[in-house]
Amino acid sequence: MTPQEIQSIKQRFGIIGNAPALNYAIQVATQVAPTDMTVLITGESGSGKESFSKIIHALSPRKHGQFIAINCGAIPEGTIDSELFGHEKGSFTGANEARKGYFEVTNGGTIFLDEIGEMPLGTQARLLRVLENGEFIRVGSSKVQKTDVRVVAATNLNLLENVRNGRFREDLYYRLSTVPITVPPLRERGEDIYLLFRKFTADFSEKHRVKPISLTPDAVQLLTRFRFPGNIRQLKNIAEQISVLETERELDARQLAKYLPAAQTSQLPMLLGTGGAAEGPGGYSERDLMYKILFDMRRDMTDLKKLVLELAAGQRPHETQELLRQNSHLFAPGAASAANGFDGAPAAEYFLGAPAGPVLHAEPDGYDDEVQPVEDITHETEEETLSLDVKEKEMILKALRKHHNKRKYAAHDLGISERTLYRKLKQYDLEQV
C-alpha cells in the first residue's frame, strides 16, 4: 500500500499517528479485509483494537451486514452461551421465551469478540465449531443451525501462555490467529502521543467551550516520556482533566507533572547503559550484574566463615576488636558501629558458637552452691574416604534399598541403564543383593 492510501484510511476512521508499527497494522488490516479469514488482534488495553475491527468490517464484502462488538469478559459465565448462541423457551430458569443469539442475528455480518482470553472453556468449544463448520446449537435445543459470520477477535493477554496453563484451547488459538495483527502501545509511538494530545484537547475545548490547551517544549518532552499504561484511553482522560481544570491555557512541565503519576513518567530504562544483552565497554548486562552480586556474596561468606573461626578460637579481646573493625563490611550497619565503639569485651551477638572459656552453671536451691566447670569433649571422627569405587558402591546400595531391590527403578534413579547396573553389581560382588 502507498502512504497516501494508508493516510486515506486513517482519515476515514479517525486514526491519528505516523508510527511505523501503526502503519503496518493498518496495512495488514486493509489487506485481510476483503477475505473471510479469521483475524486475531493483540494489544494492550486502551490501545485502539476495536478501531481495527471496524476497518476490517467496513472494507469487506460484509460491510452492508451487521457488525456487533461483544466484550467476552463483561458477560457472566452462566449466560455467555445464551448470549452468543441463543436459547429455547424453558431451557433454564427465567427463559420465558426463545431468544436468538448474536451468531444467529449477525448472519452475513461480522462479530468482534473483545477480550477473547476471558471466554470460558465450554464456550470456546462451541465457538470452535462455529469457526470450523459454521454450525451452532441453541442452549436447550438439539437442532443444529447454520450461520455465516466472520469472527474478529481481540485480546490484551498472552494467549500462548494461557494455552500452556490450560486456560485457553490450543486448537481454538490456532483457528483464531489465522491472521494476527499487533496494535502497538502508545508509549512506543513516539511523536504520536503529542499529536493525539492536541487532537483531544481541541475536541474538549470545543465541547466545553474553552480555549485549547498548548504545551511548552519541556512539557511536550515530559508527556512523550510518560509510560501510559492505560494507553489512548488514559491520554484522553488526562487531556480532558487539563482542559477543564487548568486556568492557564499554556502548560509547562511543572504544571503538566501534576496530572502524570510520578511512578509512570519514565520509559523503564535498562539498569546500566542503553544496550541489550551485550553491553559495550564499561557497561553490564542484567546477567553480568547477577553474576557479580553472586560472586560478591560468595566472597563475603568466605570472609565471614574465616572471621567466625578466628573468633571461636579464643582470640584476646584487643585482637578480636581489631578483627571486627577490619571486617565491619560483613555486618549490618548497627553491628559495624557497635564494633567501632568497642570498649574492651566483644559483644555477644558476634559469637555464633560456644564461648572459649569454661561454662559456669548455678545449682538450684537445696544443692551445693559450688560452681562446677564444664569441660568441652571432643570426638574423634573417622576420616571420610574419597574413593570413587566406594562411593559408587554406596550409591548403588542406597538406590537398591530405596526401590526394594527393584533393579529397573534403581537404575533409572541412578541415571544409568539397567545393563550398566547389572555390570556394576557383578563388579562389586553385589549380585546377591
Protein backbone atom coordinates (compact mmCIF):
# COMPACT_ATOMS: atom_id res chain seq x y z
CA MET A 1 0.00 0.00 0.00
CA THR A 2 1.13 3.53 -0.73
CA PRO A 3 1.47 6.10 2.10
CA GLN A 4 -1.40 8.05 0.51
CA GLU A 5 -3.73 5.03 0.75
CA ILE A 6 -2.80 4.46 4.40
CA GLN A 7 -3.38 8.16 5.15
CA SER A 8 -6.78 7.97 3.44
CA ILE A 9 -7.80 5.07 5.71
CA LYS A 10 -6.60 6.98 8.79
CA GLN A 11 -8.73 9.99 7.88
CA ARG A 12 -11.76 7.83 7.20
CA PHE A 13 -11.62 6.02 10.55
CA GLY A 14 -10.22 8.86 12.68
CA ILE A 15 -6.84 7.27 13.35
CA ILE A 16 -4.06 9.72 14.26
CA GLY A 17 -0.37 8.92 14.14
CA ASN A 18 2.52 8.02 11.87
CA ALA A 19 4.38 5.35 13.85
CA PRO A 20 5.73 2.58 11.57
CA ALA A 21 4.17 -0.18 13.72
CA LEU A 22 0.78 1.56 13.48
CA ASN A 23 1.05 1.94 9.69
CA TYR A 24 1.97 -1.74 9.33
CA ALA A 25 -1.03 -2.84 11.42
CA ILE A 26 -3.33 -0.71 9.22
CA GLN A 27 -1.78 -2.21 6.10
CA VAL A 28 -2.37 -5.80 7.32
CA ALA A 29 -5.97 -4.98 8.30
CA THR A 30 -6.63 -3.48 4.86
CA GLN A 31 -5.13 -6.46 3.04
CA VAL A 32 -7.07 -9.07 5.00
CA ALA A 33 -10.40 -7.16 4.96
CA PRO A 34 -11.65 -8.40 1.52
CA THR A 35 -11.24 -12.04 2.61
CA ASP A 36 -13.27 -14.11 5.08
CA MET A 37 -10.24 -15.06 7.15
CA THR A 38 -10.42 -15.00 10.93
CA VAL A 39 -8.31 -12.25 12.50
CA LEU A 40 -6.79 -12.05 15.99
CA ILE A 41 -5.90 -8.51 17.15
CA THR A 42 -3.49 -8.30 20.07
CA GLY A 43 -2.52 -5.22 22.04
CA GLU A 44 -2.68 -3.65 25.46
CA SER A 45 -5.93 -2.42 26.93
CA GLY A 46 -6.88 1.01 25.56
CA SER A 47 -4.59 0.83 22.52
CA GLY A 48 -7.46 1.02 19.99
CA LYS A 49 -8.02 -2.61 18.96
CA GLU A 50 -11.72 -2.07 18.17
CA SER A 51 -10.85 0.52 15.50
CA PHE A 52 -9.05 -2.19 13.53
CA SER A 53 -12.08 -4.50 13.70
CA LYS A 54 -14.17 -1.68 12.20
CA ILE A 55 -11.63 -1.19 9.41
CA ILE A 56 -11.81 -4.91 8.58
CA HIS A 57 -15.62 -4.91 8.52
CA ALA A 58 -16.01 -1.65 6.57
CA LEU A 59 -13.58 -2.72 3.82
CA SER A 60 -15.01 -6.24 3.48
CA PRO A 61 -17.84 -7.58 1.27
CA ARG A 62 -19.86 -7.86 4.52
CA LYS A 63 -19.90 -4.08 5.07
CA HIS A 64 -23.69 -3.95 4.49
CA GLY A 65 -24.25 -6.68 7.09
CA GLN A 66 -24.41 -6.23 10.84
CA PHE A 67 -21.36 -5.52 12.97
CA ILE A 68 -21.61 -6.42 16.66
CA ALA A 69 -18.86 -5.87 19.24
CA ILE A 70 -19.03 -8.13 22.30
CA ASN A 71 -16.86 -7.92 25.41
CA CYS A 72 -16.48 -11.56 26.50
CA GLY A 73 -15.11 -10.52 29.88
CA ALA A 74 -18.24 -8.49 30.69
CA ILE A 75 -20.73 -11.36 30.22
CA PRO A 76 -21.19 -13.74 33.19
CA GLU A 77 -20.04 -17.32 32.59
CA GLY A 78 -23.54 -18.70 33.17
CA THR A 79 -25.16 -16.60 30.43
CA ILE A 80 -22.48 -16.20 27.76
CA ASP A 81 -23.62 -19.32 25.84
CA SER A 82 -27.17 -17.96 25.72
CA GLU A 83 -25.94 -14.52 24.60
CA LEU A 84 -23.79 -15.88 21.78
CA PHE A 85 -25.82 -18.85 20.55
CA GLY A 86 -29.37 -18.18 21.83
CA HIS A 87 -31.67 -20.40 23.89
CA GLU A 88 -35.04 -22.18 23.73
CA LYS A 89 -38.02 -21.42 25.91
CA GLY A 90 -37.75 -23.15 29.28
CA SER A 91 -34.11 -24.15 28.78
CA PHE A 92 -33.20 -22.61 32.15
CA THR A 93 -34.86 -20.63 34.94
CA GLY A 94 -36.07 -17.31 33.56
CA ALA A 95 -36.08 -18.42 29.90
CA ASN A 96 -39.72 -17.47 29.34
CA GLU A 97 -39.35 -17.33 25.58
CA ALA A 98 -36.94 -18.38 22.86
CA ARG A 99 -34.16 -15.93 22.04
CA LYS A 100 -31.78 -15.60 19.12
CA GLY A 101 -28.06 -15.33 19.91
CA TYR A 102 -25.54 -12.94 18.37
CA PHE A 103 -24.27 -15.54 15.90
CA GLU A 104 -27.81 -16.01 14.59
CA VAL A 105 -28.65 -12.30 14.48
CA THR A 106 -25.37 -11.35 12.79
CA ASN A 107 -25.71 -13.89 9.95
CA GLY A 108 -23.92 -12.37 6.95
CA GLY A 109 -22.06 -9.81 9.07
CA THR A 110 -19.08 -9.55 11.44
CA ILE A 111 -18.75 -10.30 15.14
CA PHE A 112 -15.96 -8.66 17.12
CA LEU A 113 -15.15 -10.74 20.21
CA ASP A 114 -13.16 -8.48 22.51
CA GLU A 115 -11.23 -9.96 25.46
CA ILE A 116 -11.45 -13.43 23.93
CA GLY A 117 -8.98 -14.69 26.55
CA GLU A 118 -11.71 -14.31 29.22
CA MET A 119 -14.08 -16.73 27.44
CA PRO A 120 -14.91 -19.91 29.45
CA LEU A 121 -13.53 -23.21 28.13
CA GLY A 122 -17.01 -24.63 27.45
CA THR A 123 -17.92 -21.64 25.29
CA GLN A 124 -14.57 -21.95 23.50
CA ALA A 125 -15.57 -25.43 22.30
CA ARG A 126 -18.86 -24.07 20.90
CA LEU A 127 -17.02 -21.20 19.19
CA LEU A 128 -14.54 -23.61 17.60
CA ARG A 129 -17.44 -25.49 15.97
CA VAL A 130 -18.80 -22.24 14.54
CA LEU A 131 -15.41 -21.33 13.11
CA GLU A 132 -14.81 -24.75 11.56
CA ASN A 133 -18.29 -25.72 10.29
CA GLY A 134 -20.44 -22.61 10.66
CA GLU A 135 -22.76 -24.62 12.96
CA PHE A 136 -24.14 -23.94 16.42
CA ILE A 137 -26.87 -25.25 18.74
CA ARG A 138 -29.06 -23.07 20.92
CA VAL A 139 -28.97 -23.67 24.67
CA GLY A 140 -31.70 -26.25 25.45
CA SER A 141 -32.08 -27.36 21.82
CA SER A 142 -30.82 -30.32 19.82
CA LYS A 143 -31.28 -28.75 16.41
CA VAL A 144 -28.11 -27.78 14.56
CA GLN A 145 -28.32 -24.38 12.89
CA LYS A 146 -26.10 -22.76 10.28
CA THR A 147 -24.64 -19.26 10.29
CA ASP A 148 -22.32 -17.28 8.04
CA VAL A 149 -20.42 -14.92 10.31
CA ARG A 150 -16.90 -13.55 10.16
CA VAL A 151 -15.15 -13.53 13.53
CA VAL A 152 -12.60 -10.89 14.51
CA ALA A 153 -11.18 -11.48 18.00
CA ALA A 154 -9.03 -9.31 20.24
CA THR A 155 -7.15 -9.79 23.49
CA ASN A 156 -4.70 -8.00 25.77
CA LEU A 157 -3.47 -11.31 27.22
CA ASN A 158 -0.73 -13.67 26.11
CA LEU A 159 -2.93 -16.44 24.70
CA LEU A 160 0.01 -18.81 24.17
CA GLU A 161 0.77 -18.56 27.89
CA ASN A 162 -2.89 -19.30 28.62
CA VAL A 163 -2.70 -22.30 26.28
CA ARG A 164 0.27 -23.65 28.24
CA ASN A 165 -1.57 -23.09 31.52
CA GLY A 166 -4.71 -24.86 30.25
CA ARG A 167 -6.89 -21.72 30.33
CA PHE A 168 -7.34 -21.49 26.55
CA ARG A 169 -7.86 -24.17 23.91
CA GLU A 170 -4.85 -24.67 21.67
CA ASP A 171 -6.96 -25.64 18.63
CA LEU A 172 -9.08 -22.51 19.03
CA TYR A 173 -5.99 -20.32 19.33
CA TYR A 174 -4.59 -21.51 16.00
CA ARG A 175 -8.03 -21.26 14.39
CA LEU A 176 -8.43 -17.65 15.54
CA SER A 177 -4.92 -16.44 14.74
CA THR A 178 -5.10 -17.14 11.01
CA VAL A 179 -4.02 -13.54 10.50
CA PRO A 180 -2.54 -11.84 13.62
CA ILE A 181 -2.48 -8.04 13.93
CA THR A 182 -0.45 -6.39 16.69
CA VAL A 183 -1.51 -2.91 17.79
CA PRO A 184 1.47 -1.02 19.30
CA PRO A 185 1.10 0.51 22.78
CA LEU A 186 1.02 4.29 22.96
CA ARG A 187 4.43 4.59 24.66
CA GLU A 188 6.06 3.05 21.56
CA ARG A 189 4.50 5.53 19.14
CA GLY A 190 6.82 8.48 19.89
CA GLU A 191 5.54 11.76 18.45
CA ASP A 192 2.04 10.30 18.02
CA ILE A 193 1.48 10.98 21.74
CA TYR A 194 1.61 14.76 21.27
CA LEU A 195 -0.49 14.61 18.08
CA LEU A 196 -3.21 12.71 19.94
CA PHE A 197 -2.99 15.09 22.89
CA ARG A 198 -3.54 18.09 20.60
CA LYS A 199 -6.50 16.34 18.93
CA PHE A 200 -8.15 15.52 22.26
CA THR A 201 -7.60 18.98 23.78
CA ALA A 202 -9.03 20.59 20.62
CA ASP A 203 -12.13 18.36 20.85
CA PHE A 204 -12.62 19.09 24.56
CA SER A 205 -12.11 22.83 24.13
CA GLU A 206 -14.94 22.80 21.60
CA LYS A 207 -17.10 20.58 23.80
CA HIS A 208 -16.61 22.63 26.97
CA ARG A 209 -16.29 25.96 25.14
CA VAL A 210 -12.85 26.88 26.45
CA LYS A 211 -9.61 27.88 24.76
CA PRO A 212 -7.41 24.98 23.56
CA ILE A 213 -4.50 23.84 25.72
CA SER A 214 -0.92 24.25 24.47
CA LEU A 215 2.31 22.84 25.92
CA THR A 216 5.80 24.29 26.23
CA PRO A 217 8.69 22.23 24.74
CA ASP A 218 9.72 20.85 28.16
CA ALA A 219 6.10 19.80 28.79
CA VAL A 220 5.99 18.05 25.41
CA GLN A 221 9.15 16.15 26.33
CA LEU A 222 7.65 15.14 29.68
CA LEU A 223 4.44 13.98 28.00
CA THR A 224 6.25 11.78 25.46
CA ARG A 225 8.33 10.18 28.24
CA PHE A 226 5.22 9.12 30.12
CA ARG A 227 4.61 5.35 30.00
CA PHE A 228 0.79 5.47 29.58
CA PRO A 229 -0.16 2.03 30.95
CA GLY A 230 -3.76 2.91 30.04
CA ASN A 231 -2.68 3.91 26.51
CA ILE A 232 -5.00 6.15 24.42
CA ARG A 233 -7.82 5.92 26.94
CA GLN A 234 -5.56 7.30 29.68
CA LEU A 235 -4.20 10.08 27.44
CA LYS A 236 -7.75 11.12 26.58
CA ASN A 237 -8.71 11.31 30.26
CA ILE A 238 -5.64 13.41 31.07
CA ALA A 239 -6.39 15.77 28.18
CA GLU A 240 -9.96 16.27 29.41
CA GLN A 241 -8.83 16.89 33.01
CA ILE A 242 -6.37 19.55 31.88
CA SER A 243 -8.91 21.19 29.54
CA VAL A 244 -11.46 21.56 32.33
CA LEU A 245 -9.33 22.19 35.44
CA GLU A 246 -6.46 24.39 34.24
CA THR A 247 -6.95 28.14 34.23
CA GLU A 248 -3.69 28.71 32.34
CA ARG A 249 -4.00 27.62 28.71
CA GLU A 250 -0.27 27.07 28.22
CA LEU A 251 1.30 24.45 30.48
CA ASP A 252 4.94 23.92 31.32
CA ALA A 253 6.47 20.67 32.59
CA ARG A 254 5.87 21.56 36.24
CA GLN A 255 2.15 22.15 35.70
CA LEU A 256 1.76 19.06 33.49
CA ALA A 257 3.50 16.85 36.05
CA LYS A 258 0.56 17.33 38.44
CA TYR A 259 -1.58 15.21 36.09
CA LEU A 260 1.03 12.49 35.47
CA PRO A 261 1.65 9.86 38.18
CA ALA A 262 5.32 10.11 39.16
CA ALA A 263 5.87 6.34 39.02
CA GLN A 264 4.99 6.25 35.31
CA THR A 265 6.97 9.15 33.88
CA SER A 266 9.92 7.09 32.63
CA GLN A 267 10.26 4.54 29.89
CA LEU A 268 11.71 1.91 32.28
CA PRO A 269 15.35 2.13 31.08
CA MET A 270 17.92 -0.65 31.30
CA LEU A 271 19.88 -0.97 34.53
CA LEU A 272 23.11 0.37 33.02
CA GLY A 273 23.72 1.76 29.56
CA THR A 274 21.19 1.52 26.77
CA GLY A 275 22.20 -1.74 25.16
CA GLY A 276 20.57 -5.12 25.27
CA ALA A 277 22.06 -8.40 26.50
CA ALA A 278 25.55 -7.42 25.34
CA GLU A 279 26.84 -4.05 26.55
CA GLY A 280 29.79 -2.05 25.36
CA PRO A 281 32.95 -1.44 27.38
CA GLY A 282 32.23 -0.23 30.88
CA GLY A 283 28.60 -1.47 30.85
CA TYR A 284 26.98 -4.56 32.32
CA SER A 285 24.03 -6.61 31.19
CA GLU A 286 21.47 -7.81 33.72
CA ARG A 287 23.04 -11.27 33.69
CA ASP A 288 26.50 -9.82 34.35
CA LEU A 289 25.15 -7.88 37.31
CA MET A 290 23.55 -11.01 38.77
CA TYR A 291 26.83 -12.91 38.43
CA LYS A 292 28.71 -10.03 40.05
CA ILE A 293 26.30 -9.97 43.01
CA LEU A 294 26.57 -13.74 43.47
CA PHE A 295 30.36 -13.68 43.40
CA ASP A 296 30.42 -10.81 45.91
CA MET A 297 28.10 -12.76 48.22
CA ARG A 298 30.30 -15.84 47.91
CA ARG A 299 33.42 -13.84 48.79
CA ASP A 300 31.68 -12.24 51.79
CA MET A 301 30.52 -15.65 53.05
CA THR A 302 34.07 -17.00 52.79
CA ASP A 303 35.41 -14.00 54.73
CA LEU A 304 32.66 -14.37 57.33
CA LYS A 305 33.48 -18.07 57.89
CA LYS A 306 37.14 -17.21 58.36
CA LEU A 307 36.26 -14.47 60.84
CA VAL A 308 33.95 -16.71 62.90
CA LEU A 309 36.59 -19.45 63.08
CA GLU A 310 39.18 -16.97 64.32
CA LEU A 311 36.78 -15.57 66.93
CA ALA A 312 35.79 -19.04 68.11
CA ALA A 313 39.49 -19.94 68.50
CA GLY A 314 39.63 -17.63 71.55
CA GLN A 315 41.50 -14.56 70.34
CA ARG A 316 42.41 -11.98 73.01
CA PRO A 317 39.92 -9.08 73.33
CA HIS A 318 42.08 -6.44 71.68
CA GLU A 319 42.80 -8.82 68.79
CA THR A 320 39.07 -9.56 68.45
CA GLN A 321 38.33 -5.85 68.39
CA GLU A 322 40.82 -5.28 65.59
CA LEU A 323 39.45 -8.27 63.67
CA LEU A 324 35.90 -6.92 63.85
CA ARG A 325 36.96 -3.48 62.70
CA GLN A 326 38.83 -4.89 59.73
CA ASN A 327 35.75 -6.86 58.63
CA SER A 328 32.99 -4.43 59.56
CA HIS A 329 31.64 -4.56 55.96
CA LEU A 330 30.39 -8.09 56.66
CA PHE A 331 27.89 -6.88 59.27
CA ALA A 332 24.76 -4.76 59.27
CA PRO A 333 25.25 -1.03 59.90
CA GLY A 334 24.26 -1.40 63.54
CA ALA A 335 26.71 -4.22 64.12
CA ALA A 336 29.50 -2.34 62.36
CA SER A 337 29.00 0.74 64.53
CA ALA A 338 29.00 -1.45 67.63
CA ALA A 339 32.33 -2.87 66.55
CA ASN A 340 33.74 0.60 66.03
CA GLY A 341 32.64 1.61 69.53
CA PHE A 342 34.19 -1.49 71.09
CA ASP A 343 35.32 -0.86 74.68
CA GLY A 344 37.09 -3.98 75.92
CA ALA A 345 34.97 -7.14 75.62
CA PRO A 346 33.43 -8.45 72.39
CA ALA A 347 29.66 -8.15 72.01
CA ALA A 348 27.73 -11.39 72.46
CA GLU A 349 25.97 -11.20 69.07
CA TYR A 350 29.29 -11.64 67.24
CA PHE A 351 29.68 -15.15 68.63
CA LEU A 352 27.94 -17.96 66.79
CA GLY A 353 29.49 -20.90 68.68
CA ALA A 354 30.23 -21.74 72.31
CA PRO A 355 32.48 -19.40 74.30
CA ALA A 356 36.14 -20.33 74.60
CA GLY A 357 36.28 -20.48 78.40
CA PRO A 358 34.51 -22.84 80.81
CA VAL A 359 30.74 -22.56 81.20
CA LEU A 360 29.52 -21.98 84.76
CA HIS A 361 26.22 -23.46 85.98
CA ALA A 362 24.39 -22.31 89.16
CA GLU A 363 22.81 -25.18 91.06
CA PRO A 364 19.16 -24.88 92.18
CA ASP A 365 18.16 -24.43 95.84
CA GLY A 366 18.89 -27.45 98.02
CA TYR A 367 22.11 -28.33 96.25
CA ASP A 368 25.69 -27.40 96.79
CA ASP A 369 26.42 -23.81 95.77
CA GLU A 370 29.82 -24.79 94.46
CA VAL A 371 30.35 -23.81 90.87
CA GLN A 372 31.44 -26.70 88.67
CA PRO A 373 33.32 -26.11 85.45
CA VAL A 374 32.05 -27.96 82.40
CA GLU A 375 34.71 -29.12 80.03
CA ASP A 376 34.25 -29.48 76.28
CA ILE A 377 34.53 -33.02 74.99
CA THR A 378 35.99 -33.52 71.55
CA HIS A 379 35.03 -36.52 69.45
CA GLU A 380 37.37 -38.11 67.04
CA THR A 381 35.71 -38.88 63.73
CA GLU A 382 36.89 -41.43 61.26
CA GLU A 383 38.40 -39.83 58.19
CA GLU A 384 35.96 -39.94 55.30
CA THR A 385 37.09 -41.95 52.30
CA LEU A 386 37.33 -40.25 48.92
CA SER A 387 37.47 -43.43 46.83
CA LEU A 388 35.16 -43.24 43.80
CA ASP A 389 34.61 -47.00 43.83
CA VAL A 390 33.47 -46.94 47.46
CA LYS A 391 31.14 -44.00 46.82
CA GLU A 392 29.72 -45.67 43.73
CA LYS A 393 29.09 -48.88 45.65
CA GLU A 394 27.34 -46.95 48.44
CA MET A 395 25.10 -45.13 45.95
CA ILE A 396 24.13 -48.40 44.26
CA LEU A 397 23.23 -49.98 47.60
CA LYS A 398 21.25 -46.90 48.63
CA ALA A 399 19.28 -46.93 45.35
CA LEU A 400 18.52 -50.65 45.70
CA ARG A 401 17.29 -50.20 49.27
CA LYS A 402 15.17 -47.22 48.24
CA HIS A 403 13.42 -49.21 45.49
CA HIS A 404 13.21 -52.50 47.44
CA ASN A 405 15.83 -54.21 45.24
CA LYS A 406 13.92 -53.48 42.03
CA ARG A 407 16.85 -53.00 39.72
CA LYS A 408 14.93 -51.34 36.90
CA TYR A 409 13.83 -48.43 39.10
CA ALA A 410 17.19 -48.24 40.86
CA ALA A 411 18.98 -47.90 37.52
CA HIS A 412 16.56 -45.15 36.46
CA ASP A 413 17.15 -43.30 39.74
CA LEU A 414 20.94 -43.57 39.32
CA GLY A 415 20.73 -42.27 35.75
CA ILE A 416 22.26 -45.38 34.18
CA SER A 417 20.93 -48.19 32.03
CA GLU A 418 19.76 -51.45 33.59
CA ARG A 419 22.54 -53.28 31.73
CA THR A 420 25.16 -50.97 33.28
CA LEU A 421 23.69 -51.60 36.72
CA TYR A 422 24.00 -55.38 36.28
CA ARG A 423 27.64 -54.95 35.27
CA LYS A 424 28.34 -52.78 38.35
CA LEU A 425 26.65 -55.32 40.64
CA LYS A 426 28.92 -58.02 39.26
CA GLN A 427 31.98 -55.77 39.58
CA TYR A 428 31.30 -55.06 43.28
CA ASP A 429 30.09 -58.59 44.14
CA LEU A 430 26.56 -57.35 44.85
CA GLU A 431 24.68 -59.84 42.65
CA GLN A 432 23.08 -61.50 45.68
CA VAL A 433 21.63 -58.25 47.00
